[in-house]
Amino acid sequence: MNAIGYLRLSTKDQSKSLEYQESTVREYCRRNNLNIIALFKDNGEDSYTFDRPDYRALEIFLKKFKGECQYLIVLDHDRFSRNLPEALMKIADLESNHGVKVLSTNERVDLDTSDPDVFMKRAFDYMIANKELFTIRNRTRQGIRNAKENGRYLGRAPYGYKNTNDGSKKNHIHIDQNQAVIVERIFNDYLLGIAPYIIYKTVRAMGFSNKGNSAIHDILNNCLYAGLIRVPALKDLPEKYVKGIHKPIITEAEYWTANKMLSNKRPEKVRPDEDFPLRGVLKCWCGQSMTAGWSKGRKQYYLYYRCHIHNNVNVPGKLLHEQFDEVLKDICFEPQQVEFLQLAAKALLAEPLKQKQERLKEKLNAISAVNVKILELEEKFMNNQIENTTYQTWFKKYKEEKASLEMSLKGNPKSKIEIDSLIDRILPSLTNLFEIYEKCNIFQKHAIVRGVFKDNLVWAGGLLRTAFIDPTFRHNLQRINKKGLLFYEQPFDSSDISPVCTRSRSRTGTVSHRCLRPARLPIPPSGHFLR
């Protein structure tokens, strides 16, 4: 009679080694005059499913050599499976379709598997094996939760950390200084309002190795960087956060603030592009916003701006960018304006500095009050005065409130001498708006353009036009108009006069008013556009 042996070793239960199982199976076959024609071994495979490499090979073998094998021998039935219904169905399938009887080494070779008592005994054996599996899983989950409650991180270290062993057979994570710099940059940029896809481009250039559309969000969502361990819910035990034994890369306040921003974030409809800095802030003379893109020429690609309505007119991006850069170079503060700003800033900041110290005390008191609320909340939960869902809702709310307060305290308050020195050092750099613009990202560039021209920057008649320019820069208008870079249309000369009237003096010396129609940008013929 021919037999095949099947061996399985679990990753969690190493008490029955493959060598021990093989020797026992071979000895059983020798005693019962069974000829082993094949031996299949699954090392580290799950007992709850039959989707195991060598077991699949075993079934293929039985189909190929159907009728040549009469027995399948295992050490114990728990080596065959720990899934009661699946095991019984698989045994019935092997007997009916392949003529193979499944036996363990503690069963007689002439066992009558159709006997009801045998069926009941086997069902009971598999039920016990199934129960042991659930016990092992529960013990494992509880062990993982206990380790996390003690502040240990289990598993492979995430980006920014590395796994180390302190000799106690327990893995720990420590900060990888090179990667930690990138993690800090991701959080800092996101808290400044920079879009994740732009952050991704920046940190990729710095050596960020994680890939995928969610790479930045995965970093921002990981509380590990704030020195926290997330302990998942288990039965009646709630989810919670505990202090980890590892060192944090960022503060808790930064993590909770980023977490709140992520939950409130809405998807962007349009993504500004660094290649088209004027897309989104430049309008056509018809009032429509101009779009931009690349057009293929004979030898290379060319950048063009165009209007959706006048789609037959392309404005060369290179020319438009150069003209706008020249406008920015000529828009600057006069030295006396900078000096005035320095004196005014120093005088205006004296009182706010005093108020800031008072607000600092108020915020510290508020943080203490939030800590008391958190302690009271935990005490109520431990005393079963509130439900888990209520606890989770208020715990997150208090944590976000605390994080918001702590973020507002970030950085030590500067003294008046330090602030005066800072003003003297920074304000003179405002004399060149173009240099500021060049150092900004696309969102900051758009903010500058909207601040100076208030969404009134228009391309018409082959040049830039505007009906508004911030009064601070109006002293530069004569120089800009002389160069033909920007046409400024303003319907009145003085802020204290009606926008539709100008003042003129009659021959008798009396002041009269001459009403004008509100200025509108002239509609140029299409030939005035640069193609």
Protein backbone atom coordinates (compact mmCIF):
# COMPACT_ATOMS: atom_id res chain seq x y z
CA MET A 1 0.00 0.00 0.00
CA ASN A 2 1.31 3.45 -0.91
CA ALA A 3 1.17 6.57 1.22
CA ILE A 4 2.25 10.19 1.09
CA GLY A 5 3.36 12.17 4.11
CA TYR A 6 2.36 15.76 4.86
CA LEU A 7 4.26 17.96 7.31
CA ARG A 8 3.42 21.51 8.42
CA LEU A 9 5.29 23.84 10.73
CA SER A 10 3.76 27.05 12.11
CA THR A 11 5.78 30.23 12.59
CA LYS A 12 4.35 30.59 16.10
CA ASP A 13 4.52 26.96 17.26
CA GLN A 14 8.00 25.48 16.82
CA SER A 15 7.55 22.58 19.31
CA LYS A 16 6.97 20.01 16.54
CA SER A 17 9.86 20.48 14.11
CA LEU A 18 9.72 19.24 10.53
CA GLU A 19 12.49 16.72 11.32
CA TYR A 20 10.50 15.30 14.24
CA GLN A 21 7.33 15.09 12.15
CA GLU A 22 9.14 13.36 9.27
CA SER A 23 10.80 10.75 11.49
CA THR A 24 7.48 9.98 13.22
CA VAL A 25 5.58 9.66 9.95
CA ARG A 26 8.26 7.39 8.45
CA GLU A 27 8.28 5.20 11.56
CA TYR A 28 4.47 4.91 11.42
CA CYS A 29 4.61 3.85 7.78
CA ARG A 30 7.36 1.32 8.50
CA ARG A 31 5.34 -0.30 11.31
CA ASN A 32 2.25 -0.55 9.13
CA ASN A 33 4.04 -1.70 5.93
CA LEU A 34 3.19 1.48 4.02
CA ASN A 35 5.41 2.61 1.16
CA ILE A 36 6.03 6.39 1.20
CA ILE A 37 6.08 7.57 -2.40
CA ALA A 38 6.15 11.33 -1.67
CA LEU A 39 6.66 13.77 1.17
CA PHE A 40 5.34 17.34 1.24
CA LYS A 41 6.47 20.03 3.70
CA ASP A 42 4.91 23.43 4.40
CA ASN A 43 7.18 25.55 6.58
CA GLY A 44 5.64 28.59 8.32
CA GLU A 45 2.21 28.31 6.69
CA ASP A 46 -1.19 29.21 8.17
CA SER A 47 -3.21 26.30 9.60
CA TYR A 48 -6.57 28.00 8.98
CA THR A 49 -6.41 27.72 5.18
CA PHE A 50 -5.35 25.05 2.68
CA ASP A 51 -3.87 27.69 0.39
CA ARG A 52 -0.33 26.47 1.13
CA PRO A 53 2.35 25.89 -1.53
CA ASP A 54 3.18 22.27 -0.74
CA TYR A 55 -0.41 21.27 -0.01
CA ARG A 56 -1.41 22.58 -3.44
CA ALA A 57 1.45 20.52 -4.88
CA LEU A 58 0.12 17.50 -2.93
CA GLU A 59 -3.29 17.77 -4.56
CA ILE A 60 -1.71 18.11 -8.01
CA PHE A 61 0.33 14.98 -7.29
CA LEU A 62 -2.80 13.02 -6.32
CA LYS A 63 -4.60 14.06 -9.51
CA LYS A 64 -1.60 13.11 -11.66
CA PHE A 65 -1.14 9.70 -10.01
CA LYS A 66 -4.75 8.98 -9.19
CA GLY A 67 -5.28 5.51 -7.74
CA GLU A 68 -1.62 4.93 -6.88
CA CYS A 69 -1.87 6.33 -3.33
CA GLN A 70 -4.21 5.08 -0.61
CA TYR A 71 -3.14 7.01 2.52
CA LEU A 72 -2.18 10.55 3.57
CA ILE A 73 -0.27 10.44 6.86
CA VAL A 74 0.17 13.40 9.23
CA LEU A 75 1.71 13.61 12.69
CA ASP A 76 -1.48 14.99 14.31
CA HIS A 77 -4.67 16.31 12.83
CA ASP A 78 -3.73 19.86 13.90
CA ARG A 79 -0.82 19.56 11.40
CA PHE A 80 -3.41 18.97 8.70
CA SER A 81 -5.67 21.89 9.66
CA ARG A 82 -7.06 23.96 12.54
CA ASN A 83 -10.23 24.90 10.66
CA LEU A 84 -13.01 22.49 11.69
CA PRO A 85 -15.44 22.81 8.72
CA GLU A 86 -12.68 23.12 6.09
CA ALA A 87 -10.81 20.08 7.46
CA LEU A 88 -13.86 17.80 7.44
CA MET A 89 -14.79 18.89 3.90
CA LYS A 90 -11.22 18.35 2.68
CA ILE A 91 -11.05 14.85 4.23
CA ALA A 92 -14.37 13.90 2.57
CA ASP A 93 -13.10 15.24 -0.79
CA LEU A 94 -9.85 13.25 -0.59
CA GLU A 95 -11.69 10.03 0.23
CA SER A 96 -14.47 10.36 -2.38
CA ASN A 97 -12.53 11.85 -5.32
CA HIS A 98 -9.05 10.38 -4.83
CA GLY A 99 -9.62 7.30 -2.70
CA VAL A 100 -7.15 8.59 -0.10
CA LYS A 101 -7.69 8.03 3.63
CA VAL A 102 -6.32 10.77 5.96
CA LEU A 103 -4.72 9.34 9.11
CA SER A 104 -2.69 10.68 11.99
CA THR A 105 0.18 8.70 13.52
CA ASN A 106 -1.92 7.93 16.62
CA GLU A 107 -4.67 6.25 14.59
CA ARG A 108 -4.84 2.62 13.37
CA VAL A 109 -4.19 2.07 9.68
CA ASP A 110 -7.40 -0.02 9.39
CA LEU A 111 -9.52 2.72 10.97
CA ASP A 112 -13.10 2.80 9.64
CA THR A 113 -13.64 6.50 8.86
CA SER A 114 -17.33 5.86 8.13
CA ASP A 115 -17.93 4.87 11.75
CA PRO A 116 -20.03 7.60 13.49
CA ASP A 117 -17.86 7.34 16.63
CA VAL A 118 -14.72 7.92 14.55
CA PHE A 119 -16.37 10.92 12.87
CA MET A 120 -17.32 12.37 16.26
CA LYS A 121 -13.83 11.85 17.64
CA ARG A 122 -12.24 13.52 14.61
CA ALA A 123 -14.69 16.39 14.72
CA PHE A 124 -13.86 16.85 18.40
CA ASP A 125 -10.10 16.79 17.63
CA TYR A 126 -10.48 19.44 14.96
CA MET A 127 -12.74 21.50 17.23
CA ILE A 128 -10.00 21.47 19.90
CA ALA A 129 -7.40 22.42 17.27
CA ASN A 130 -9.67 25.23 16.07
CA LYS A 131 -10.07 26.46 19.65
CA GLU A 132 -6.30 26.39 20.17
CA LEU A 133 -5.85 28.49 17.04
CA PHE A 134 -8.28 31.14 18.31
CA THR A 135 -6.52 31.05 21.69
CA ILE A 136 -3.15 31.58 20.01
CA ARG A 137 -4.53 34.50 17.98
CA ASN A 138 -6.11 36.15 21.01
CA ARG A 139 -2.91 35.67 23.00
CA THR A 140 -0.91 37.19 20.17
CA ARG A 141 -3.24 40.20 19.86
CA GLN A 142 -3.16 40.73 23.61
CA GLY A 143 0.64 40.45 23.62
CA ILE A 144 0.90 43.03 20.84
CA ARG A 145 -1.45 45.37 22.69
CA ASN A 146 0.48 44.96 25.96
CA ALA A 147 3.75 45.75 24.19
CA LYS A 148 2.22 48.85 22.61
CA GLU A 149 0.75 49.97 25.93
CA ASN A 150 4.31 49.83 27.30
CA GLY A 151 5.42 52.19 24.52
CA ARG A 152 7.09 49.64 22.25
CA TYR A 153 6.80 49.82 18.48
CA LEU A 154 6.54 46.39 16.84
CA GLY A 155 7.54 45.60 13.31
CA ARG A 156 9.72 47.17 10.68
CA ALA A 157 10.78 50.73 11.45
CA PRO A 158 9.02 53.37 9.32
CA TYR A 159 10.86 55.99 7.31
CA GLY A 160 12.85 58.21 9.68
CA TYR A 161 13.74 55.39 12.07
CA LYS A 162 15.85 52.23 12.00
CA ASN A 163 15.56 48.92 13.85
CA THR A 164 18.24 48.11 16.43
CA ASN A 165 18.72 45.39 19.04
CA ASP A 166 19.90 46.23 22.55
CA GLY A 167 20.85 42.64 23.37
CA SER A 168 17.61 41.81 25.21
CA LYS A 169 16.08 40.02 22.19
CA LYS A 170 13.71 42.96 21.79
CA ASN A 171 13.84 45.16 18.75
CA HIS A 172 13.79 48.92 19.29
CA ILE A 173 13.65 51.82 16.88
CA HIS A 174 16.05 54.75 16.87
CA ILE A 175 16.09 57.93 14.84
CA ASP A 176 17.85 57.86 11.49
CA GLN A 177 19.26 61.38 11.47
CA ASN A 178 19.45 61.71 7.67
CA GLN A 179 15.84 60.63 7.18
CA ALA A 180 14.57 62.55 10.22
CA VAL A 181 15.54 65.84 8.53
CA ILE A 182 13.23 64.97 5.64
CA VAL A 183 10.38 64.01 7.98
CA GLU A 184 10.71 67.37 9.75
CA ARG A 185 10.69 69.14 6.39
CA ILE A 186 7.47 67.34 5.37
CA PHE A 187 5.63 68.41 8.53
CA ASN A 188 7.00 71.99 8.48
CA ASP A 189 6.06 72.52 4.83
CA TYR A 190 2.59 71.04 5.29
CA LEU A 191 1.90 73.24 8.32
CA LEU A 192 2.91 76.23 6.20
CA GLY A 193 0.14 75.33 3.75
CA ILE A 194 2.25 73.85 0.94
CA ALA A 195 0.43 71.23 -1.14
CA PRO A 196 1.50 67.59 -0.60
CA TYR A 197 2.43 67.04 -4.25
CA ILE A 198 4.86 69.99 -4.11
CA ILE A 199 6.29 68.70 -0.82
CA TYR A 200 6.78 65.32 -2.50
CA LYS A 201 8.82 66.86 -5.32
CA THR A 202 10.97 68.78 -2.83
CA VAL A 203 11.75 65.86 -0.51
CA ARG A 204 12.34 63.46 -3.40
CA ALA A 205 15.21 65.73 -4.43
CA MET A 206 16.49 65.48 -0.84
CA GLY A 207 16.51 61.67 -0.94
CA PHE A 208 12.99 60.69 0.19
CA SER A 209 12.67 57.05 -0.91
CA ASN A 210 8.97 56.35 -0.28
CA LYS A 211 6.88 56.24 -3.45
CA GLY A 212 3.19 56.46 -4.27
CA ASN A 213 0.40 59.03 -4.26
CA SER A 214 -0.13 58.61 -0.51
CA ALA A 215 3.56 58.75 0.53
CA ILE A 216 3.30 62.21 2.11
CA HIS A 217 -0.08 61.50 3.73
CA ASP A 218 1.30 58.28 5.24
CA ILE A 219 4.05 60.31 6.93
CA LEU A 220 1.63 62.98 8.18
CA ASN A 221 -0.80 60.35 9.53
CA ASN A 222 1.83 58.42 11.50
CA CYS A 223 1.72 59.39 15.19
CA LEU A 224 5.03 57.55 15.72
CA TYR A 225 6.95 60.68 14.65
CA ALA A 226 5.45 62.57 17.61
CA GLY A 227 6.68 59.92 20.04
CA LEU A 228 3.23 58.31 20.32
CA ILE A 229 2.12 54.70 19.93
CA ARG A 230 -1.39 54.00 18.69
CA VAL A 231 -2.90 51.14 20.68
CA PRO A 232 -5.80 49.62 18.69
CA ALA A 233 -9.12 48.71 20.25
CA LEU A 234 -9.46 45.15 21.56
CA LYS A 235 -12.86 43.82 22.63
CA ASP A 236 -14.07 46.24 25.33
CA LEU A 237 -10.74 48.07 25.51
CA PRO A 238 -10.75 51.36 23.56
CA GLU A 239 -8.23 52.70 21.10
CA LYS A 240 -5.75 55.07 22.72
CA TYR A 241 -2.41 56.80 22.29
CA VAL A 242 0.48 56.28 24.71
CA LYS A 243 3.96 57.73 25.03
CA GLY A 244 6.50 55.60 23.20
CA ILE A 245 9.93 54.67 24.53
CA HIS A 246 11.46 55.91 21.27
CA LYS A 247 12.51 59.53 20.70
CA PRO A 248 10.14 61.77 18.70
CA ILE A 249 11.13 63.62 15.54
CA ILE A 250 8.38 66.27 15.81
CA THR A 251 6.26 67.61 18.68
CA GLU A 252 2.81 66.32 19.58
CA ALA A 253 1.38 69.74 18.79
CA GLU A 254 2.72 69.57 15.23
CA TYR A 255 1.28 66.09 14.71
CA TRP A 256 -2.21 66.89 16.04
CA THR A 257 -2.34 70.14 14.05
CA ALA A 258 -1.35 68.31 10.84
CA ASN A 259 -3.92 65.62 11.65
CA LYS A 260 -6.64 68.23 11.98
CA MET A 261 -5.59 69.88 8.72
CA LEU A 262 -5.75 66.53 6.94
CA SER A 263 -9.28 65.87 8.19
CA ASN A 264 -10.43 69.31 6.98
CA LYS A 265 -8.57 69.22 3.66
CA ARG A 266 -10.62 69.39 0.50
CA PRO A 267 -9.26 68.18 -2.84
CA GLU A 268 -7.93 70.93 -5.06
CA LYS A 269 -9.69 71.50 -8.36
CA VAL A 270 -6.73 73.17 -10.07
CA ARG A 271 -3.08 72.58 -9.35
CA PRO A 272 -0.83 75.55 -10.06
CA ASP A 273 2.36 74.72 -11.93
CA GLU A 274 5.78 76.29 -11.45
CA ASP A 275 6.20 76.39 -15.26
CA PHE A 276 3.18 78.70 -15.59
CA PRO A 277 3.47 81.24 -12.72
CA LEU A 278 0.87 83.61 -14.23
CA ARG A 279 -1.80 80.96 -14.81
CA GLY A 280 -4.57 81.64 -12.33
CA VAL A 281 -3.74 85.35 -11.80
CA LEU A 282 -3.62 86.73 -15.35
CA LYS A 283 -6.82 87.60 -17.24
CA CYS A 284 -7.62 88.22 -20.86
CA TRP A 285 -9.09 91.60 -21.88
CA CYS A 286 -12.48 89.85 -22.11
CA GLY A 287 -12.35 89.07 -18.38
CA GLN A 288 -11.69 85.33 -18.68
CA SER A 289 -8.73 83.80 -16.85
CA MET A 290 -5.90 82.79 -19.13
CA THR A 291 -4.66 79.24 -19.19
CA ALA A 292 -1.23 78.00 -20.25
CA GLY A 293 0.48 74.98 -21.71
CA TRP A 294 3.19 73.68 -23.98
CA SER A 295 2.91 73.64 -27.77
CA LYS A 296 5.16 71.55 -29.99
CA GLY A 297 7.13 73.45 -32.60
CA ARG A 298 9.37 72.12 -35.33
CA LYS A 299 12.39 71.60 -33.10
CA GLN A 300 11.19 72.04 -29.51
CA TYR A 301 8.25 72.77 -27.22
CA TYR A 302 7.14 76.35 -26.62
CA LEU A 303 5.18 77.77 -23.67
CA TYR A 304 2.04 79.74 -24.51
CA TYR A 305 -0.74 81.51 -22.63
CA ARG A 306 -4.19 81.66 -24.17
CA CYS A 307 -7.82 82.50 -23.44
CA HIS A 308 -10.53 79.84 -23.72
CA ILE A 309 -12.72 82.23 -25.71
CA HIS A 310 -9.99 83.59 -27.99
CA ASN A 311 -8.44 80.18 -28.52
CA ASN A 312 -6.92 81.21 -31.84
CA VAL A 313 -4.51 83.60 -30.12
CA ASN A 314 -1.39 82.31 -28.38
CA VAL A 315 0.76 84.64 -26.27
CA PRO A 316 4.41 83.50 -26.00
CA GLY A 317 5.12 82.63 -22.37
CA LYS A 318 8.78 83.65 -22.59
CA LEU A 319 7.91 87.18 -23.68
CA LEU A 320 5.14 87.49 -21.10
CA HIS A 321 7.34 86.27 -18.24
CA GLU A 322 10.19 88.61 -19.19
CA GLN A 323 7.82 91.58 -19.35
CA PHE A 324 6.26 90.75 -15.98
CA ASP A 325 9.71 90.25 -14.38
CA GLU A 326 10.71 93.74 -15.58
CA VAL A 327 7.55 95.18 -13.99
CA LEU A 328 8.44 93.57 -10.66
CA LYS A 329 12.02 94.84 -10.85
CA ASP A 330 10.71 98.38 -11.19
CA ILE A 331 8.19 98.01 -8.34
CA CYS A 332 10.05 98.64 -5.12
CA PHE A 333 10.01 100.73 -1.95
CA GLU A 334 11.92 104.00 -1.80
CA PRO A 335 14.68 104.20 0.90
CA GLN A 336 12.68 106.78 2.87
CA GLN A 337 9.68 104.42 2.79
CA VAL A 338 11.79 101.61 4.25
CA GLU A 339 13.10 103.92 6.97
CA PHE A 340 9.57 105.01 7.82
CA LEU A 341 8.42 101.38 7.95
CA GLN A 342 11.25 100.53 10.35
CA LEU A 343 10.34 103.33 12.76
CA ALA A 344 6.63 102.65 12.49
CA ALA A 345 7.08 98.91 13.03
CA LYS A 346 9.16 99.41 16.15
CA ALA A 347 6.62 101.83 17.62
CA LEU A 348 3.64 99.65 16.74
CA LEU A 349 5.17 96.47 18.16
CA ALA A 350 5.84 97.85 21.62
CA GLU A 351 2.28 97.41 22.86
CA PRO A 352 1.71 94.02 21.13
CA LEU A 353 4.81 92.66 22.84
CA LYS A 354 3.30 93.48 26.19
CA GLN A 355 -0.03 91.96 25.18
CA LYS A 356 1.76 88.85 23.90
CA GLN A 357 3.20 88.19 27.33
CA GLU A 358 -0.28 88.44 28.81
CA ARG A 359 -1.72 86.09 26.17
CA LEU A 360 1.12 83.67 26.85
CA LYS A 361 0.03 83.37 30.46
CA GLU A 362 -3.60 82.90 29.37
CA LYS A 363 -2.65 80.10 26.95
CA LEU A 364 -0.55 78.33 29.57
CA ASN A 365 -3.54 78.44 31.90
CA ALA A 366 -5.76 77.15 29.08
CA ILE A 367 -3.38 74.22 28.46
CA SER A 368 -3.49 73.35 32.14
CA ALA A 369 -7.29 73.43 32.01
CA VAL A 370 -7.33 71.09 28.98
CA ASN A 371 -4.99 68.67 30.79
CA VAL A 372 -7.43 68.61 33.69
CA LYS A 373 -10.29 67.88 31.28
CA ILE A 374 -8.34 64.98 29.74
CA LEU A 375 -7.62 63.51 33.16
CA GLU A 376 -11.27 63.85 34.17
CA LEU A 377 -12.35 62.24 30.90
CA GLU A 378 -10.04 59.26 31.44
CA GLU A 379 -11.25 58.91 35.02
CA LYS A 380 -14.90 58.86 33.90
CA PHE A 381 -14.09 56.24 31.28
CA MET A 382 -12.24 54.03 33.73
CA ASN A 383 -15.19 54.28 36.10
CA ASN A 384 -17.60 53.29 33.28
CA GLN A 385 -19.41 56.64 33.50
CA ILE A 386 -19.14 57.23 29.72
CA GLU A 387 -19.09 54.97 26.65
CA ASN A 388 -16.12 54.26 24.42
CA THR A 389 -17.44 56.36 21.50
CA THR A 390 -17.98 59.35 23.77
CA TYR A 391 -14.51 58.93 25.20
CA GLN A 392 -12.91 58.77 21.73
CA THR A 393 -14.80 61.86 20.48
CA TRP A 394 -13.88 64.07 23.42
CA PHE A 395 -10.34 62.71 23.71
CA LYS A 396 -9.60 63.71 20.10
CA LYS A 397 -11.29 67.10 20.59
CA TYR A 398 -9.23 67.88 23.72
CA LYS A 399 -6.03 66.70 22.05
CA GLU A 400 -6.63 68.96 19.04
CA GLU A 401 -7.47 71.89 21.34
CA LYS A 402 -4.27 71.28 23.30
CA ALA A 403 -2.24 70.93 20.10
CA SER A 404 -3.64 74.21 18.77
CA LEU A 405 -2.66 76.00 22.01
CA GLU A 406 0.81 74.44 22.04
CA MET A 407 1.39 75.36 18.39
CA SER A 408 0.57 78.97 19.20
CA LEU A 409 3.27 78.85 21.89
CA LYS A 410 5.91 77.48 19.55
CA GLY A 411 9.03 79.61 19.71
CA ASN A 412 10.21 81.71 22.60
CA PRO A 413 8.87 85.28 22.78
CA LYS A 414 11.55 87.70 21.61
CA SER A 415 12.64 90.76 23.54
CA LYS A 416 12.19 94.29 22.19
CA ILE A 417 15.92 94.54 21.38
CA GLU A 418 15.80 91.33 19.37
CA ILE A 419 12.71 92.45 17.47
CA ASP A 420 14.19 95.88 16.68
CA SER A 421 17.32 94.17 15.36
CA LEU A 422 15.18 91.82 13.29
CA ILE A 423 13.25 94.74 11.78
CA ASP A 424 16.45 96.57 10.84
CA ARG A 425 17.79 93.42 9.19
CA ILE A 426 14.69 92.26 7.29
CA LEU A 427 12.82 95.34 6.09
CA PRO A 428 15.58 96.68 3.80
CA SER A 429 15.30 93.47 1.77
CA LEU A 430 11.81 94.62 0.72
CA THR A 431 13.31 97.18 -1.66
CA ASN A 432 13.41 94.56 -4.45
CA LEU A 433 10.06 92.84 -5.02
CA PHE A 434 11.47 90.76 -7.88
CA GLU A 435 14.03 89.05 -5.62
CA ILE A 436 11.27 88.18 -3.14
CA TYR A 437 9.08 86.85 -5.96
CA GLU A 438 11.88 84.64 -7.35
CA LYS A 439 12.43 82.92 -3.99
CA CYS A 440 8.75 82.07 -3.50
CA ASN A 441 6.86 78.92 -4.43
CA ILE A 442 3.93 79.09 -6.84
CA PHE A 443 1.32 79.74 -4.12
CA GLN A 444 3.35 82.57 -2.60
CA LYS A 445 3.90 84.06 -6.07
CA HIS A 446 0.16 84.13 -6.66
CA ALA A 447 -0.36 85.78 -3.26
CA ILE A 448 2.12 88.55 -4.20
CA VAL A 449 0.46 89.21 -7.57
CA ARG A 450 -3.01 89.31 -6.03
CA GLY A 451 -1.79 91.58 -3.25
CA VAL A 452 -0.20 94.10 -5.63
CA PHE A 453 -2.81 94.06 -8.43
CA LYS A 454 -5.92 92.63 -6.64
CA ASP A 455 -6.87 90.24 -9.48
CA ASN A 456 -6.74 93.07 -12.01
CA LEU A 457 -3.70 92.02 -14.00
CA VAL A 458 -4.78 91.85 -17.67
CA TRP A 459 -3.08 91.07 -20.97
CA ALA A 460 -4.42 93.28 -23.76
CA GLY A 461 -3.03 95.05 -26.80
CA GLY A 462 0.37 93.36 -26.52
CA LEU A 463 1.13 94.60 -22.98
CA LEU A 464 0.15 94.14 -19.35
CA ARG A 465 -2.62 96.36 -18.02
CA THR A 466 -4.20 96.93 -14.63
CA ALA A 467 -6.96 99.04 -13.13
CA PHE A 468 -5.46 98.74 -9.64
CA ILE A 469 -2.03 98.82 -8.10
CA ASP A 470 -1.34 98.95 -4.40
CA PRO A 471 -0.94 102.65 -3.39
CA THR A 472 2.39 101.84 -1.77
CA PHE A 473 3.93 101.30 -5.21
CA ARG A 474 2.27 104.15 -7.15
CA HIS A 475 5.42 106.25 -7.04
CA ASN A 476 6.92 103.74 -9.53
CA LEU A 477 4.16 104.19 -12.12
CA GLN A 478 5.90 106.93 -14.08
CA ARG A 479 9.02 104.81 -14.53
CA ILE A 480 6.99 101.71 -15.51
CA ASN A 481 4.79 103.62 -17.98
CA LYS A 482 7.85 105.24 -19.54
CA LYS A 483 9.27 101.81 -20.33
CA GLY A 484 5.96 100.65 -21.78
CA LEU A 485 5.79 97.65 -19.48
CA LEU A 486 2.46 98.20 -17.74
CA PHE A 487 -0.50 100.36 -18.74
CA TYR A 488 -2.20 101.73 -15.61
CA GLU A 489 -5.83 102.82 -16.02
CA GLN A 490 -7.25 104.78 -13.10
CA PRO A 491 -10.50 106.73 -13.43
CA PHE A 492 -9.62 109.35 -10.83
CA ASP A 493 -6.53 111.07 -9.41
CA SER A 494 -7.43 111.60 -5.77
CA SER A 495 -8.89 109.20 -3.23
CA ASP A 496 -11.18 111.88 -1.76
CA ILE A 497 -13.00 112.52 -5.06
CA SER A 498 -15.87 110.53 -6.53
CA PRO A 499 -14.63 107.84 -8.91
CA VAL A 500 -16.78 109.23 -11.71
CA CYS A 501 -15.82 112.95 -11.41
CA THR A 502 -12.61 115.00 -11.66
CA ARG A 503 -12.05 118.48 -10.39
CA SER A 504 -11.25 121.33 -12.79
CA ARG A 505 -10.92 125.10 -12.30
CA SER A 506 -13.02 127.48 -14.44
CA ARG A 507 -11.76 130.78 -15.85
CA THR A 508 -13.39 132.55 -12.93
CA GLY A 509 -11.37 130.55 -10.41
CA THR A 510 -14.27 128.50 -9.06
CA VAL A 511 -13.99 124.78 -8.76
CA SER A 512 -16.34 122.75 -10.92
CA HIS A 513 -16.71 119.03 -11.52
CA ARG A 514 -16.36 117.33 -14.88
CA CYS A 515 -17.96 113.90 -14.84
CA LEU A 516 -16.24 111.06 -16.64
CA ARG A 517 -17.39 107.61 -17.60
CA PRO A 518 -15.78 104.82 -15.58
CA ALA A 519 -12.64 103.64 -17.25
CA ARG A 520 -12.74 100.32 -19.02
CA LEU A 521 -9.98 98.38 -20.69
CA PRO A 522 -10.18 98.99 -24.44
CA ILE A 523 -10.85 95.96 -26.61
CA PRO A 524 -7.93 95.72 -29.01
CA PRO A 525 -8.21 94.16 -32.41
CA SER A 526 -6.98 90.59 -32.65
CA GLY A 527 -3.95 91.72 -34.64
CA HIS A 528 -2.53 93.38 -31.53
CA PHE A 529 -1.99 90.01 -29.89
CA LEU A 530 1.40 88.45 -30.28
CA ARG A 531 1.14 85.10 -31.90
